[in-house]
N, C-alpha and C. Protein backbone atom coordinates (compact mmCIF):
# COMPACT_ATOMS: atom_id res chain seq x y z
N UNK A 1 0.88 -1.20 -0.10
CA UNK A 1 0.06 0.00 0.05
C UNK A 1 0.85 1.20 0.09
N UNK A 2 0.39 2.18 -0.82
CA UNK A 2 1.18 3.38 -0.85
C UNK A 2 0.89 4.35 0.25
N UNK A 3 1.68 5.05 0.79
CA UNK A 3 1.61 6.02 1.93
C UNK A 3 0.33 6.94 1.81
N UNK A 4 0.07 7.37 0.56
CA UNK A 4 -0.97 8.38 0.36
C UNK A 4 -2.36 7.57 0.46
N UNK A 5 -2.43 6.39 0.12
CA UNK A 5 -3.56 5.52 0.17
C UNK A 5 -3.88 5.25 1.66
N UNK A 6 -2.87 5.00 2.38
CA UNK A 6 -3.09 4.73 3.88
C UNK A 6 -3.56 6.03 4.45
N UNK A 7 -2.94 7.07 4.06
CA UNK A 7 -3.41 8.43 4.75
C UNK A 7 -4.85 8.79 4.43
N UNK A 8 -5.18 8.42 3.19
CA UNK A 8 -6.64 8.69 2.70
C UNK A 8 -7.66 7.72 3.53
N UNK A 9 -7.24 6.49 3.78
CA UNK A 9 -8.16 5.65 4.52
C UNK A 9 -8.25 5.89 5.96
N UNK A 10 -7.05 6.29 6.59
CA UNK A 10 -7.16 6.73 7.94
C UNK A 10 -7.74 7.95 8.21
N UNK A 11 -7.71 8.74 7.11
CA UNK A 11 -8.25 10.18 7.31
C UNK A 11 -9.82 10.02 7.16
N UNK A 12 -10.24 9.11 6.36
CA UNK A 12 -11.71 8.87 6.20
C UNK A 12 -12.31 8.38 7.40
N UNK A 13 -11.44 7.45 8.04
CA UNK A 13 -12.11 6.76 9.38
C UNK A 13 -11.77 7.73 10.61
N UNK A 14 -11.06 8.81 10.53
CA UNK A 14 -10.77 9.72 11.61
C UNK A 14 -11.90 10.73 11.93
N UNK A 15 -13.05 10.30 11.28
CA UNK A 15 -14.23 11.10 11.55
C UNK A 15 -15.33 10.23 12.29
N UNK A 16 -16.05 10.64 13.13
CA UNK A 16 -16.90 9.99 14.02
C UNK A 16 -18.11 9.25 13.16
N UNK A 17 -18.77 10.10 12.32
CA UNK A 17 -19.81 9.49 11.63
C UNK A 17 -19.36 8.42 10.62
N UNK A 18 -18.28 8.64 9.95
CA UNK A 18 -17.76 7.77 8.97
C UNK A 18 -17.26 6.33 9.73
N UNK A 19 -16.66 6.45 10.85
CA UNK A 19 -16.21 5.30 11.55
C UNK A 19 -17.50 4.53 11.96
N UNK A 20 -18.60 5.21 12.34
CA UNK A 20 -19.69 4.52 12.75
C UNK A 20 -20.40 3.84 11.57
N UNK A 21 -20.38 4.41 10.45
CA UNK A 21 -20.88 3.83 9.11
C UNK A 21 -20.03 2.60 8.85
N UNK A 22 -18.67 2.65 8.86
CA UNK A 22 -17.88 1.53 8.54
C UNK A 22 -18.01 0.47 9.54
N UNK A 23 -18.08 0.69 10.74
CA UNK A 23 -18.43 -0.39 11.87
C UNK A 23 -19.65 -0.98 11.67
N UNK A 24 -20.74 -0.31 11.27
CA UNK A 24 -22.11 -0.83 10.87
C UNK A 24 -21.99 -1.79 9.80
N UNK A 25 -21.23 -1.24 8.77
CA UNK A 25 -21.21 -2.27 7.52
C UNK A 25 -20.50 -3.50 7.85
N UNK A 26 -19.42 -3.30 8.66
CA UNK A 26 -18.50 -4.50 8.98
C UNK A 26 -19.25 -5.57 9.75
N UNK A 27 -20.06 -4.95 10.80
CA UNK A 27 -20.95 -5.90 11.62
C UNK A 27 -22.00 -6.50 10.71
N UNK A 28 -22.65 -5.81 9.79
CA UNK A 28 -23.55 -6.37 8.98
C UNK A 28 -22.93 -7.39 8.06
N UNK A 29 -21.82 -7.15 7.47
CA UNK A 29 -21.24 -8.10 6.48
C UNK A 29 -20.86 -9.38 7.25
N UNK A 30 -20.46 -9.26 8.62
CA UNK A 30 -20.11 -10.50 9.35
C UNK A 30 -21.39 -11.37 9.62
N UNK A 31 -22.51 -10.87 9.59
CA UNK A 31 -23.72 -11.56 9.91
C UNK A 31 -24.48 -12.03 8.72
N UNK A 32 -24.10 -11.61 7.63
CA UNK A 32 -24.99 -11.87 6.28
C UNK A 32 -24.11 -13.04 5.50
N UNK A 33 -24.90 -13.89 4.90
CA UNK A 33 -24.49 -14.93 4.01
C UNK A 33 -24.80 -14.39 2.54
N UNK A 34 -23.93 -14.65 1.57
CA UNK A 34 -24.18 -14.41 0.17
C UNK A 34 -24.01 -12.90 -0.05
N UNK A 35 -24.97 -12.29 -0.74
CA UNK A 35 -24.81 -10.90 -0.88
C UNK A 35 -25.03 -10.06 0.44
N UNK A 36 -24.00 -9.47 0.75
CA UNK A 36 -23.91 -8.70 1.84
C UNK A 36 -24.20 -7.30 1.64
N UNK A 37 -23.80 -6.36 2.67
CA UNK A 37 -24.02 -4.96 2.48
C UNK A 37 -25.41 -4.47 3.01
N UNK A 38 -25.50 -3.03 3.10
CA UNK A 38 -26.75 -2.51 3.52
C UNK A 38 -27.08 -1.47 2.58
N UNK A 39 -28.32 -1.24 2.34
CA UNK A 39 -28.84 -0.18 1.36
C UNK A 39 -28.59 1.23 2.19
N UNK A 40 -28.43 2.17 1.33
CA UNK A 40 -28.14 3.50 1.91
C UNK A 40 -29.28 3.90 2.91
N UNK A 41 -30.47 3.61 2.66
CA UNK A 41 -31.66 3.92 3.44
C UNK A 41 -31.73 3.23 4.76
N UNK A 42 -31.23 1.96 4.80
CA UNK A 42 -31.02 1.31 5.96
C UNK A 42 -29.92 1.79 6.83
N UNK A 43 -28.82 2.27 6.18
CA UNK A 43 -27.68 2.84 7.04
C UNK A 43 -28.21 4.11 7.63
N UNK A 44 -28.87 4.92 6.90
CA UNK A 44 -29.41 6.21 7.44
C UNK A 44 -30.41 5.90 8.53
N UNK A 45 -31.30 4.86 8.37
CA UNK A 45 -32.17 4.61 9.43
C UNK A 45 -31.54 4.14 10.75
N UNK A 46 -30.58 3.20 10.62
CA UNK A 46 -30.00 2.76 11.87
C UNK A 46 -29.12 3.70 12.64
N UNK A 47 -28.54 4.73 11.74
CA UNK A 47 -27.61 5.58 12.49
C UNK A 47 -28.22 6.95 12.56
N UNK A 48 -29.55 7.07 12.22
CA UNK A 48 -30.44 8.26 12.26
C UNK A 48 -29.66 9.44 11.61
N UNK A 49 -29.33 9.29 10.48
CA UNK A 49 -28.69 10.28 9.53
C UNK A 49 -29.50 10.93 8.51
N UNK A 50 -29.71 12.05 8.20
CA UNK A 50 -30.27 12.54 7.06
C UNK A 50 -29.52 12.08 5.76
N UNK A 51 -30.37 11.79 4.70
CA UNK A 51 -29.80 11.30 3.47
C UNK A 51 -28.67 12.02 3.00
N UNK A 52 -28.71 13.46 2.88
CA UNK A 52 -27.59 14.23 2.30
C UNK A 52 -26.29 13.95 3.16
N UNK A 53 -26.50 14.00 4.45
CA UNK A 53 -25.19 13.70 5.24
C UNK A 53 -24.68 12.33 4.99
N UNK A 54 -25.51 11.35 5.04
CA UNK A 54 -24.93 10.04 4.74
C UNK A 54 -24.32 9.97 3.37
N UNK A 55 -24.91 10.53 2.29
CA UNK A 55 -24.39 10.52 0.93
C UNK A 55 -22.96 11.13 0.97
N UNK A 56 -22.83 12.34 1.67
CA UNK A 56 -21.46 12.96 1.64
C UNK A 56 -20.51 11.94 2.28
N UNK A 57 -20.82 11.37 3.41
CA UNK A 57 -19.78 10.50 4.11
C UNK A 57 -19.51 9.27 3.35
N UNK A 58 -20.57 8.67 2.60
CA UNK A 58 -20.25 7.54 1.80
C UNK A 58 -19.39 7.88 0.71
N UNK A 59 -19.65 9.07 0.11
CA UNK A 59 -18.69 9.51 -0.97
C UNK A 59 -17.29 9.71 -0.53
N UNK A 60 -17.07 10.19 0.65
CA UNK A 60 -15.77 10.31 1.19
C UNK A 60 -15.07 8.89 1.40
N UNK A 61 -15.83 7.92 1.94
CA UNK A 61 -15.37 6.66 2.31
C UNK A 61 -15.13 5.92 0.94
N UNK A 62 -15.91 6.03 -0.04
CA UNK A 62 -15.66 5.46 -1.32
C UNK A 62 -14.47 5.88 -2.04
N UNK A 63 -14.22 7.31 -1.81
CA UNK A 63 -12.93 7.87 -2.33
C UNK A 63 -11.72 7.31 -1.76
N UNK A 64 -11.80 6.77 -0.57
CA UNK A 64 -10.66 6.22 0.11
C UNK A 64 -10.73 4.75 -0.06
N UNK A 65 -11.66 4.16 -0.77
CA UNK A 65 -11.78 2.68 -1.24
C UNK A 65 -12.14 1.87 0.13
N UNK A 66 -12.89 2.56 0.95
CA UNK A 66 -13.32 1.79 2.21
C UNK A 66 -14.67 1.17 2.11
N UNK A 67 -15.30 1.66 1.09
CA UNK A 67 -16.65 1.11 0.83
C UNK A 67 -16.96 1.03 -0.65
N UNK A 68 -17.84 0.14 -1.10
CA UNK A 68 -18.21 0.01 -2.52
C UNK A 68 -19.65 -0.07 -2.49
N UNK A 69 -20.21 0.67 -3.41
CA UNK A 69 -21.70 0.85 -3.61
C UNK A 69 -22.16 0.08 -4.99
N UNK A 70 -23.01 -0.69 -4.75
CA UNK A 70 -23.52 -1.43 -6.06
C UNK A 70 -25.06 -1.18 -6.10
N UNK A 71 -25.59 -0.99 -7.33
CA UNK A 71 -26.94 -0.88 -7.60
C UNK A 71 -27.64 -2.16 -7.47
N UNK A 72 -28.51 -2.29 -6.66
CA UNK A 72 -29.32 -3.53 -6.61
C UNK A 72 -30.81 -3.05 -6.79
N UNK A 73 -31.42 -3.28 -7.86
CA UNK A 73 -32.80 -2.78 -8.18
C UNK A 73 -32.85 -1.22 -8.05
N UNK A 74 -33.71 -0.77 -6.98
CA UNK A 74 -33.75 0.70 -6.96
C UNK A 74 -33.00 1.24 -5.78
N UNK A 75 -32.10 0.37 -5.20
CA UNK A 75 -31.19 0.75 -3.98
C UNK A 75 -29.78 0.70 -4.36
N UNK A 76 -29.05 1.52 -3.65
CA UNK A 76 -27.52 1.33 -3.71
C UNK A 76 -27.17 0.73 -2.52
N UNK A 77 -26.50 -0.53 -2.48
CA UNK A 77 -26.11 -1.25 -1.41
C UNK A 77 -24.56 -1.13 -1.21
N UNK A 78 -24.18 -0.73 0.11
CA UNK A 78 -22.83 -0.57 0.25
C UNK A 78 -22.26 -1.71 1.16
N UNK A 79 -20.94 -1.98 0.71
CA UNK A 79 -20.27 -3.08 1.61
C UNK A 79 -18.93 -2.60 1.76
N UNK A 80 -18.44 -2.90 2.94
CA UNK A 80 -17.15 -2.51 3.51
C UNK A 80 -15.96 -3.22 2.68
N UNK A 81 -14.87 -2.69 2.36
CA UNK A 81 -13.79 -3.28 1.72
C UNK A 81 -12.81 -3.57 2.75
N UNK A 82 -13.12 -4.79 3.42
CA UNK A 82 -12.17 -5.16 4.40
C UNK A 82 -10.69 -5.36 4.08
N UNK A 83 -10.49 -5.75 2.80
CA UNK A 83 -9.19 -5.83 2.38
C UNK A 83 -8.48 -4.60 2.42
N UNK A 84 -8.99 -3.44 2.14
CA UNK A 84 -8.33 -2.26 2.36
C UNK A 84 -7.84 -1.83 3.59
N UNK A 85 -8.79 -2.27 4.71
CA UNK A 85 -8.40 -2.01 6.06
C UNK A 85 -7.36 -2.93 6.56
N UNK A 86 -7.38 -4.13 5.97
CA UNK A 86 -6.25 -5.12 6.34
C UNK A 86 -4.94 -4.54 5.76
N UNK A 87 -4.94 -3.96 4.52
CA UNK A 87 -3.79 -3.35 3.89
C UNK A 87 -3.18 -2.25 4.72
N UNK A 88 -4.19 -1.36 5.28
CA UNK A 88 -3.84 -0.15 6.05
C UNK A 88 -3.03 -0.81 7.35
N UNK A 89 -3.67 -1.73 8.01
CA UNK A 89 -3.12 -2.41 9.13
C UNK A 89 -1.75 -2.90 8.86
N UNK A 90 -1.59 -3.56 7.91
CA UNK A 90 -0.29 -4.25 7.38
C UNK A 90 0.67 -3.14 7.15
N UNK A 91 0.30 -2.05 6.32
CA UNK A 91 1.12 -0.91 6.21
C UNK A 91 1.76 -0.40 7.50
N UNK A 92 0.85 -0.12 8.46
CA UNK A 92 1.21 0.48 9.72
C UNK A 92 2.19 -0.50 10.51
N UNK A 93 1.78 -1.79 10.59
CA UNK A 93 2.60 -2.72 11.32
C UNK A 93 3.91 -3.04 10.74
N UNK A 94 3.86 -3.32 9.45
CA UNK A 94 5.13 -3.66 8.71
C UNK A 94 6.14 -2.52 8.26
N UNK A 95 5.47 -1.40 7.80
CA UNK A 95 6.18 -0.22 7.37
C UNK A 95 6.61 0.78 8.30
N UNK A 96 5.61 0.87 9.26
CA UNK A 96 5.71 2.13 10.14
C UNK A 96 6.24 1.68 11.56
N UNK A 97 6.14 0.51 11.85
CA UNK A 97 6.39 0.15 13.26
C UNK A 97 7.56 -0.80 13.48
N UNK A 98 8.44 -0.75 12.44
CA UNK A 98 9.61 -1.67 12.46
C UNK A 98 10.46 -1.19 13.67
N UNK A 99 10.94 -2.21 14.36
CA UNK A 99 11.80 -1.90 15.50
C UNK A 99 11.06 -1.63 16.82
N UNK A 100 9.93 -1.80 16.89
CA UNK A 100 9.01 -1.51 18.09
C UNK A 100 8.63 -2.96 18.48
N UNK A 101 8.90 -3.26 19.78
CA UNK A 101 8.35 -4.50 20.37
C UNK A 101 6.98 -4.56 20.72
N UNK A 102 6.57 -5.68 20.95
CA UNK A 102 5.02 -5.83 21.46
C UNK A 102 4.72 -5.08 22.57
N UNK A 103 5.75 -4.82 23.40
CA UNK A 103 5.41 -3.97 24.62
C UNK A 103 5.48 -2.44 24.59
N UNK A 104 5.48 -1.97 23.28
CA UNK A 104 5.45 -0.66 22.89
C UNK A 104 6.77 0.17 23.45
N UNK A 105 7.84 -0.50 23.37
CA UNK A 105 9.10 0.07 23.66
C UNK A 105 9.44 1.17 22.57
N UNK A 106 10.26 2.01 22.88
CA UNK A 106 10.64 3.03 21.86
C UNK A 106 11.47 2.40 20.83
N UNK A 107 11.49 3.08 19.66
CA UNK A 107 12.39 2.35 18.56
C UNK A 107 13.80 2.54 19.08
N UNK A 108 14.56 1.53 18.93
CA UNK A 108 16.01 1.66 19.30
C UNK A 108 16.84 2.06 17.82
N UNK A 109 17.77 2.84 18.09
CA UNK A 109 18.53 3.27 16.83
C UNK A 109 20.01 2.78 17.18
C-alpha cells in the first residue's frame, strides 16, 4: 500500500460518523451470507442520519476505497472493503512500526 492511500483511508475513518458507518457495515457483513451490505436507506435509518449527510460521508469513504456501492434494483447497497483495512493495518505494522516490540518500547537506533 502506498503512503497516500493509507493516509486517505485513515483520514476517512478519523471522523466519527464515517467510523460509525464503517463499523455498522462490517458488523452487517459478518452477519450476512451471500450478498452482503446495507442499502443506503437502511444505514441512514440505523444511524439516524439525514440522507444528504450519509451521501456525503459514503462518497468520502468510497474515495478512500473503504466502501463500494452497487446498485441492486432501486437501492444502492454499500459493502465494506475489508481488504483495504487489512492493507492499512499491514502498512502500519510492517512499514511504520519496524523496531517496536510488542510492549510498545521506543524504537532503538
